[in-house]
N, C-alpha and C. Protein backbone atom coordinates (compact mmCIF):
# COMPACT_ATOMS: atom_id res chain seq x y z
N MET A 1 -95.20 118.36 -109.84
CA MET A 1 -93.80 118.07 -109.98
C MET A 1 -93.56 117.47 -111.36
N SER A 2 -92.55 117.98 -112.04
CA SER A 2 -92.27 117.51 -113.39
C SER A 2 -91.71 116.09 -113.38
N LEU A 3 -91.78 115.46 -114.53
CA LEU A 3 -91.25 114.10 -114.67
C LEU A 3 -89.75 114.08 -114.39
N PHE A 4 -89.04 115.11 -114.82
CA PHE A 4 -87.59 115.19 -114.59
C PHE A 4 -87.29 115.22 -113.09
N VAL A 5 -87.98 116.04 -112.34
CA VAL A 5 -87.74 116.16 -110.90
C VAL A 5 -88.10 114.85 -110.20
N LYS A 6 -89.21 114.21 -110.61
CA LYS A 6 -89.58 112.92 -110.03
C LYS A 6 -88.51 111.87 -110.28
N SER A 7 -87.96 111.89 -111.48
CA SER A 7 -86.90 110.93 -111.82
C SER A 7 -85.66 111.15 -110.97
N ILE A 8 -85.28 112.39 -110.75
CA ILE A 8 -84.11 112.71 -109.93
C ILE A 8 -84.33 112.27 -108.48
N VAL A 9 -85.52 112.54 -107.95
CA VAL A 9 -85.84 112.14 -106.57
C VAL A 9 -85.80 110.63 -106.44
N LEU A 10 -86.38 109.91 -107.39
CA LEU A 10 -86.39 108.45 -107.35
C LEU A 10 -84.98 107.89 -107.45
N LEU A 11 -84.18 108.43 -108.35
CA LEU A 11 -82.80 107.98 -108.51
C LEU A 11 -82.00 108.24 -107.22
N SER A 12 -82.22 109.36 -106.60
CA SER A 12 -81.53 109.68 -105.34
C SER A 12 -81.91 108.70 -104.24
N MET A 13 -83.18 108.33 -104.17
CA MET A 13 -83.62 107.38 -103.16
C MET A 13 -82.97 106.02 -103.37
N PHE A 14 -82.90 105.55 -104.61
CA PHE A 14 -82.25 104.27 -104.90
C PHE A 14 -80.77 104.31 -104.57
N THR A 15 -80.11 105.42 -104.87
CA THR A 15 -78.69 105.56 -104.59
C THR A 15 -78.43 105.51 -103.09
N LEU A 16 -79.24 106.20 -102.32
CA LEU A 16 -79.07 106.19 -100.87
C LEU A 16 -79.31 104.81 -100.29
N ALA A 17 -80.33 104.13 -100.76
CA ALA A 17 -80.65 102.80 -100.25
C ALA A 17 -79.56 101.80 -100.60
N TRP A 18 -79.01 101.87 -101.80
CA TRP A 18 -77.98 100.92 -102.23
C TRP A 18 -76.64 101.19 -101.57
N GLY A 19 -76.30 102.46 -101.40
CA GLY A 19 -74.97 102.81 -100.95
C GLY A 19 -74.73 102.69 -99.46
N ASN A 20 -75.76 102.66 -98.65
CA ASN A 20 -75.56 102.67 -97.20
C ASN A 20 -75.82 101.28 -96.64
N VAL A 21 -74.79 100.46 -96.63
CA VAL A 21 -74.86 99.10 -96.10
C VAL A 21 -74.15 99.11 -94.75
N GLU A 22 -74.73 98.46 -93.73
CA GLU A 22 -74.03 98.35 -92.46
C GLU A 22 -73.14 97.12 -92.49
N VAL A 23 -71.87 97.32 -92.20
CA VAL A 23 -70.88 96.25 -92.20
C VAL A 23 -70.50 95.93 -90.76
N HIS A 24 -70.41 94.63 -90.46
CA HIS A 24 -69.95 94.17 -89.15
C HIS A 24 -68.55 93.60 -89.35
N MET A 25 -67.55 94.29 -88.81
CA MET A 25 -66.15 93.93 -89.01
C MET A 25 -65.59 93.24 -87.78
N THR A 26 -64.83 92.16 -87.98
CA THR A 26 -64.16 91.45 -86.90
C THR A 26 -62.72 91.19 -87.32
N ILE A 27 -61.79 91.48 -86.41
CA ILE A 27 -60.38 91.15 -86.60
C ILE A 27 -60.02 90.16 -85.50
N GLU A 28 -59.45 89.01 -85.88
CA GLU A 28 -59.09 87.98 -84.90
C GLU A 28 -57.60 87.67 -84.96
N ASN A 29 -56.98 87.56 -83.81
CA ASN A 29 -55.57 87.19 -83.72
C ASN A 29 -55.45 85.69 -83.97
N GLY A 30 -54.94 85.33 -85.13
CA GLY A 30 -54.72 83.94 -85.48
C GLY A 30 -53.25 83.64 -85.69
N LEU A 31 -52.37 84.40 -85.04
CA LEU A 31 -50.93 84.23 -85.23
C LEU A 31 -50.48 82.83 -84.82
N GLU A 32 -49.69 82.23 -85.67
CA GLU A 32 -49.26 80.85 -85.49
C GLU A 32 -48.39 80.68 -84.24
N GLY A 33 -47.62 81.69 -83.85
CA GLY A 33 -46.74 81.59 -82.68
C GLY A 33 -47.43 81.94 -81.38
N LYS A 34 -48.74 82.11 -81.43
CA LYS A 34 -49.55 82.46 -80.25
C LYS A 34 -49.06 83.74 -79.60
N GLU A 35 -48.59 84.67 -80.42
CA GLU A 35 -48.11 85.95 -79.94
C GLU A 35 -49.26 86.94 -79.81
N ASP A 36 -49.04 87.96 -78.99
CA ASP A 36 -50.01 89.05 -78.90
C ASP A 36 -49.93 89.89 -80.17
N LEU A 37 -51.07 90.43 -80.57
CA LEU A 37 -51.17 91.22 -81.79
C LEU A 37 -51.62 92.63 -81.44
N ASN A 38 -50.83 93.62 -81.83
CA ASN A 38 -51.21 95.02 -81.67
C ASN A 38 -51.85 95.49 -82.97
N ILE A 39 -53.05 96.06 -82.87
CA ILE A 39 -53.72 96.56 -84.08
C ILE A 39 -54.15 98.01 -83.85
N HIS A 40 -54.24 98.73 -84.95
CA HIS A 40 -54.74 100.10 -84.95
C HIS A 40 -55.48 100.30 -86.27
N CYS A 41 -56.80 100.49 -86.18
CA CYS A 41 -57.62 100.64 -87.37
C CYS A 41 -58.24 102.04 -87.42
N LYS A 42 -58.34 102.57 -88.63
CA LYS A 42 -58.95 103.89 -88.78
C LYS A 42 -59.42 104.09 -90.21
N SER A 43 -60.38 104.99 -90.34
CA SER A 43 -60.84 105.46 -91.65
C SER A 43 -60.51 106.95 -91.72
N LYS A 44 -60.95 107.58 -92.77
CA LYS A 44 -60.74 109.02 -92.90
C LYS A 44 -61.44 109.77 -91.77
N ASP A 45 -62.58 109.25 -91.31
CA ASP A 45 -63.40 109.94 -90.32
C ASP A 45 -63.34 109.35 -88.91
N ASN A 46 -62.88 108.11 -88.77
CA ASN A 46 -62.93 107.42 -87.47
C ASN A 46 -61.60 106.76 -87.14
N ASP A 47 -61.04 107.11 -86.00
CA ASP A 47 -59.85 106.43 -85.49
C ASP A 47 -60.30 105.53 -84.35
N LEU A 48 -60.18 104.23 -84.52
CA LEU A 48 -60.68 103.27 -83.54
C LEU A 48 -59.68 102.98 -82.43
N GLY A 49 -58.52 103.61 -82.47
CA GLY A 49 -57.53 103.45 -81.42
C GLY A 49 -56.73 102.18 -81.54
N GLN A 50 -55.78 102.03 -80.62
CA GLN A 50 -54.93 100.85 -80.60
C GLN A 50 -55.52 99.80 -79.67
N HIS A 51 -55.34 98.54 -80.06
CA HIS A 51 -55.88 97.42 -79.28
C HIS A 51 -54.86 96.29 -79.25
N LEU A 52 -54.79 95.62 -78.12
CA LEU A 52 -53.92 94.46 -77.96
C LEU A 52 -54.80 93.22 -77.91
N LEU A 53 -54.55 92.31 -78.84
CA LEU A 53 -55.32 91.06 -78.91
C LEU A 53 -54.41 89.89 -78.56
N HIS A 54 -54.81 89.11 -77.57
CA HIS A 54 -54.13 87.86 -77.27
C HIS A 54 -54.61 86.83 -78.30
N ILE A 55 -53.97 85.68 -78.35
CA ILE A 55 -54.32 84.66 -79.34
C ILE A 55 -55.82 84.35 -79.29
N ASN A 56 -56.44 84.30 -80.44
CA ASN A 56 -57.86 84.03 -80.66
C ASN A 56 -58.81 85.11 -80.15
N GLN A 57 -58.29 86.21 -79.61
CA GLN A 57 -59.17 87.31 -79.22
C GLN A 57 -59.56 88.11 -80.45
N ILE A 58 -60.70 88.82 -80.33
CA ILE A 58 -61.22 89.58 -81.46
C ILE A 58 -61.44 91.04 -81.08
N PHE A 59 -61.45 91.87 -82.10
CA PHE A 59 -61.85 93.27 -82.00
C PHE A 59 -62.94 93.46 -83.05
N GLN A 60 -64.05 94.07 -82.65
CA GLN A 60 -65.20 94.22 -83.56
C GLN A 60 -65.68 95.66 -83.59
N TRP A 61 -66.25 96.04 -84.74
CA TRP A 61 -66.95 97.31 -84.86
C TRP A 61 -67.91 97.25 -86.03
N ARG A 62 -68.84 98.19 -86.05
CA ARG A 62 -69.82 98.31 -87.14
C ARG A 62 -69.70 99.69 -87.75
N PHE A 63 -70.01 99.76 -89.04
CA PHE A 63 -70.00 101.05 -89.72
C PHE A 63 -70.89 100.97 -90.95
N GLY A 64 -71.32 102.11 -91.43
CA GLY A 64 -72.10 102.20 -92.65
C GLY A 64 -71.21 102.60 -93.80
N THR A 65 -71.49 102.05 -94.97
CA THR A 65 -70.71 102.40 -96.16
C THR A 65 -71.16 103.74 -96.71
N SER A 66 -70.34 104.30 -97.56
CA SER A 66 -70.60 105.59 -98.17
C SER A 66 -71.46 105.44 -99.42
N VAL A 67 -72.33 106.40 -99.62
CA VAL A 67 -73.14 106.44 -100.84
C VAL A 67 -72.24 106.58 -102.06
N PHE A 68 -71.09 107.21 -101.87
CA PHE A 68 -70.19 107.49 -102.99
C PHE A 68 -69.13 106.41 -103.20
N GLY A 69 -69.20 105.31 -102.44
CA GLY A 69 -68.30 104.18 -102.66
C GLY A 69 -66.88 104.41 -102.20
N LYS A 70 -66.68 105.22 -101.19
CA LYS A 70 -65.32 105.57 -100.77
C LYS A 70 -64.97 105.09 -99.36
N THR A 71 -65.77 104.25 -98.74
CA THR A 71 -65.46 103.79 -97.38
C THR A 71 -64.21 102.93 -97.40
N LEU A 72 -63.26 103.28 -96.52
CA LEU A 72 -61.99 102.57 -96.45
C LEU A 72 -61.54 102.55 -94.99
N PHE A 73 -61.34 101.36 -94.43
CA PHE A 73 -60.76 101.19 -93.11
C PHE A 73 -59.42 100.49 -93.28
N SER A 74 -58.35 101.18 -92.88
CA SER A 74 -57.01 100.62 -92.93
C SER A 74 -56.56 100.28 -91.52
N CYS A 75 -55.82 99.19 -91.40
CA CYS A 75 -55.32 98.77 -90.09
C CYS A 75 -53.83 98.51 -90.17
N SER A 76 -53.16 98.79 -89.05
CA SER A 76 -51.76 98.40 -88.92
C SER A 76 -51.69 97.26 -87.91
N PHE A 77 -50.72 96.38 -88.11
CA PHE A 77 -50.57 95.17 -87.29
C PHE A 77 -49.11 95.01 -86.91
N GLN A 78 -48.88 94.60 -85.67
CA GLN A 78 -47.51 94.32 -85.24
C GLN A 78 -47.53 93.30 -84.11
N TRP A 79 -46.54 92.42 -84.11
CA TRP A 79 -46.38 91.43 -83.05
C TRP A 79 -44.89 91.25 -82.81
N GLY A 80 -44.53 90.93 -81.58
CA GLY A 80 -43.13 90.70 -81.23
C GLY A 80 -42.23 91.80 -81.76
N ASN A 81 -41.13 91.39 -82.39
CA ASN A 81 -40.17 92.34 -82.98
C ASN A 81 -40.40 92.53 -84.48
N ALA A 82 -41.54 92.07 -84.98
CA ALA A 82 -41.83 92.16 -86.41
C ALA A 82 -42.04 93.62 -86.83
N ALA A 83 -41.86 93.87 -88.10
CA ALA A 83 -42.11 95.20 -88.65
C ALA A 83 -43.60 95.53 -88.58
N LEU A 84 -43.92 96.80 -88.60
CA LEU A 84 -45.31 97.26 -88.64
C LEU A 84 -45.85 96.99 -90.04
N LEU A 85 -46.96 96.23 -90.11
CA LEU A 85 -47.56 95.86 -91.39
C LEU A 85 -48.93 96.53 -91.52
N HIS A 86 -49.36 96.73 -92.76
CA HIS A 86 -50.62 97.41 -93.02
C HIS A 86 -51.50 96.59 -93.96
N PHE A 87 -52.82 96.78 -93.80
CA PHE A 87 -53.78 96.14 -94.69
C PHE A 87 -55.08 96.91 -94.66
N ASP A 88 -55.76 96.99 -95.79
CA ASP A 88 -57.07 97.62 -95.87
C ASP A 88 -58.12 96.58 -95.48
N ALA A 89 -58.60 96.66 -94.25
CA ALA A 89 -59.57 95.69 -93.75
C ALA A 89 -60.90 95.80 -94.47
N TYR A 90 -61.26 97.01 -94.88
CA TYR A 90 -62.47 97.19 -95.68
C TYR A 90 -62.21 98.25 -96.74
N ASP A 91 -62.36 97.86 -97.98
CA ASP A 91 -62.27 98.76 -99.12
C ASP A 91 -63.57 98.59 -99.88
N GLN A 92 -64.41 99.61 -99.86
CA GLN A 92 -65.74 99.49 -100.43
C GLN A 92 -65.70 99.07 -101.90
N ASN A 93 -64.73 99.56 -102.64
CA ASN A 93 -64.62 99.16 -104.05
C ASN A 93 -64.38 97.66 -104.19
N ARG A 94 -63.60 97.08 -103.28
CA ARG A 94 -63.28 95.65 -103.31
C ARG A 94 -64.38 94.79 -102.68
N ASP A 95 -65.03 95.31 -101.62
CA ASP A 95 -65.85 94.47 -100.75
C ASP A 95 -67.35 94.67 -100.83
N ILE A 96 -67.84 95.65 -101.58
CA ILE A 96 -69.26 96.01 -101.53
C ILE A 96 -70.19 94.87 -101.93
N GLN A 97 -69.75 93.96 -102.77
CA GLN A 97 -70.63 92.87 -103.21
C GLN A 97 -70.57 91.65 -102.29
N LEU A 98 -69.70 91.69 -101.29
CA LEU A 98 -69.56 90.56 -100.37
C LEU A 98 -70.49 90.72 -99.18
N SER A 99 -70.65 89.66 -98.43
CA SER A 99 -71.47 89.68 -97.23
C SER A 99 -71.04 90.81 -96.30
N ALA A 100 -71.99 91.40 -95.60
CA ALA A 100 -71.70 92.51 -94.70
C ALA A 100 -71.04 92.04 -93.40
N ASP A 101 -70.92 90.73 -93.19
CA ASP A 101 -70.18 90.19 -92.05
C ASP A 101 -68.77 89.86 -92.52
N CYS A 102 -67.82 90.68 -92.08
CA CYS A 102 -66.43 90.54 -92.53
C CYS A 102 -65.57 90.14 -91.34
N HIS A 103 -65.01 88.94 -91.37
CA HIS A 103 -64.22 88.40 -90.25
C HIS A 103 -62.82 88.07 -90.78
N TRP A 104 -61.83 88.86 -90.34
CA TRP A 104 -60.45 88.63 -90.74
C TRP A 104 -59.72 87.80 -89.69
N TYR A 105 -58.96 86.82 -90.14
CA TYR A 105 -58.06 86.02 -89.30
C TYR A 105 -56.65 86.48 -89.65
N ILE A 106 -55.95 87.06 -88.69
CA ILE A 106 -54.63 87.62 -88.97
C ILE A 106 -53.56 86.55 -88.75
N HIS A 107 -52.78 86.31 -89.81
CA HIS A 107 -51.66 85.37 -89.79
C HIS A 107 -50.39 86.11 -90.17
N LYS A 108 -49.26 85.54 -89.88
CA LYS A 108 -47.99 86.22 -90.15
C LYS A 108 -47.79 86.51 -91.64
N ASP A 109 -48.25 85.63 -92.50
CA ASP A 109 -48.05 85.84 -93.92
C ASP A 109 -49.16 86.67 -94.57
N GLY A 110 -50.17 87.07 -93.79
CA GLY A 110 -51.22 87.94 -94.32
C GLY A 110 -52.58 87.63 -93.73
N PRO A 111 -53.53 88.52 -93.92
CA PRO A 111 -54.88 88.31 -93.41
C PRO A 111 -55.69 87.39 -94.33
N CYS A 112 -56.58 86.59 -93.71
CA CYS A 112 -57.46 85.69 -94.47
C CYS A 112 -58.90 85.88 -93.99
N ARG A 113 -59.84 85.56 -94.86
CA ARG A 113 -61.25 85.58 -94.50
C ARG A 113 -62.01 84.61 -95.39
N TYR A 114 -63.23 84.32 -95.00
CA TYR A 114 -64.12 83.51 -95.83
C TYR A 114 -65.05 84.46 -96.55
N GLU A 115 -65.03 84.42 -97.88
CA GLU A 115 -65.80 85.36 -98.69
C GLU A 115 -66.97 84.68 -99.37
N ARG A 116 -68.08 85.42 -99.39
CA ARG A 116 -69.25 84.98 -100.15
C ARG A 116 -70.04 86.22 -100.55
N TYR A 117 -70.79 86.09 -101.64
CA TYR A 117 -71.63 87.19 -102.09
C TYR A 117 -72.90 87.25 -101.25
N TYR A 118 -73.55 88.41 -101.26
CA TYR A 118 -74.75 88.62 -100.45
C TYR A 118 -75.81 87.56 -100.67
N ASN A 119 -76.03 87.16 -101.90
CA ASN A 119 -77.14 86.24 -102.20
C ASN A 119 -76.77 84.77 -102.01
N GLU A 120 -75.57 84.48 -101.53
CA GLU A 120 -75.14 83.10 -101.35
C GLU A 120 -75.27 82.69 -99.88
N PRO A 121 -75.56 81.42 -99.63
CA PRO A 121 -75.62 80.94 -98.24
C PRO A 121 -74.21 80.83 -97.66
N PRO A 122 -74.07 80.83 -96.33
CA PRO A 122 -72.75 80.73 -95.70
C PRO A 122 -71.95 79.50 -96.15
N SER A 123 -72.62 78.44 -96.54
CA SER A 123 -71.91 77.24 -96.98
C SER A 123 -71.12 77.46 -98.28
N LYS A 124 -71.40 78.52 -99.00
CA LYS A 124 -70.70 78.83 -100.25
C LYS A 124 -69.45 79.67 -100.03
N ALA A 125 -69.15 80.04 -98.78
CA ALA A 125 -67.99 80.88 -98.49
C ALA A 125 -66.70 80.16 -98.88
N VAL A 126 -65.76 80.95 -99.41
CA VAL A 126 -64.47 80.43 -99.85
C VAL A 126 -63.36 81.18 -99.11
N ARG A 127 -62.39 80.43 -98.59
CA ARG A 127 -61.28 81.08 -97.87
C ARG A 127 -60.37 81.78 -98.87
N LYS A 128 -60.08 83.05 -98.57
CA LYS A 128 -59.19 83.84 -99.42
C LYS A 128 -58.21 84.59 -98.53
N CYS A 129 -56.93 84.51 -98.89
CA CYS A 129 -55.89 85.20 -98.14
C CYS A 129 -55.28 86.30 -99.00
N TYR A 130 -54.82 87.34 -98.35
CA TYR A 130 -54.27 88.51 -99.03
C TYR A 130 -52.85 88.74 -98.55
N LYS A 131 -52.11 89.52 -99.31
CA LYS A 131 -50.76 89.94 -98.93
C LYS A 131 -50.85 91.25 -98.17
N TRP A 132 -49.87 91.52 -97.34
CA TRP A 132 -49.79 92.80 -96.65
C TRP A 132 -49.58 93.90 -97.68
N ASN A 133 -50.08 95.11 -97.38
CA ASN A 133 -49.88 96.26 -98.29
C ASN A 133 -48.41 96.63 -98.33
């Protein structure tokens, strides 16, 4: 086998190993009014269906990221008479360097989570909140 072919095979192996991370996703109803939360999450390939979460209840799933960096899970959220809101619960371009345990707390003004990089201990996590899409 030529050096060129060996290099391509080795590069392919590294790409596959780096790109396929298993993510554990959790969505938690943290609504301040203790209202029920309707959620519907899906990616291009997987529709996880609609779920009703009572206060502090969670919905969880696991998935592997794409070698090509295109994994995206979008969710819609609605409670009471509020408008239907959307948020990208996992965007590989945004989230690939963060811990594979992703736990969102859904609040009326937007989703929040504790973020930390892979090589950091849980004590280094910082709370970060986002706006609805």
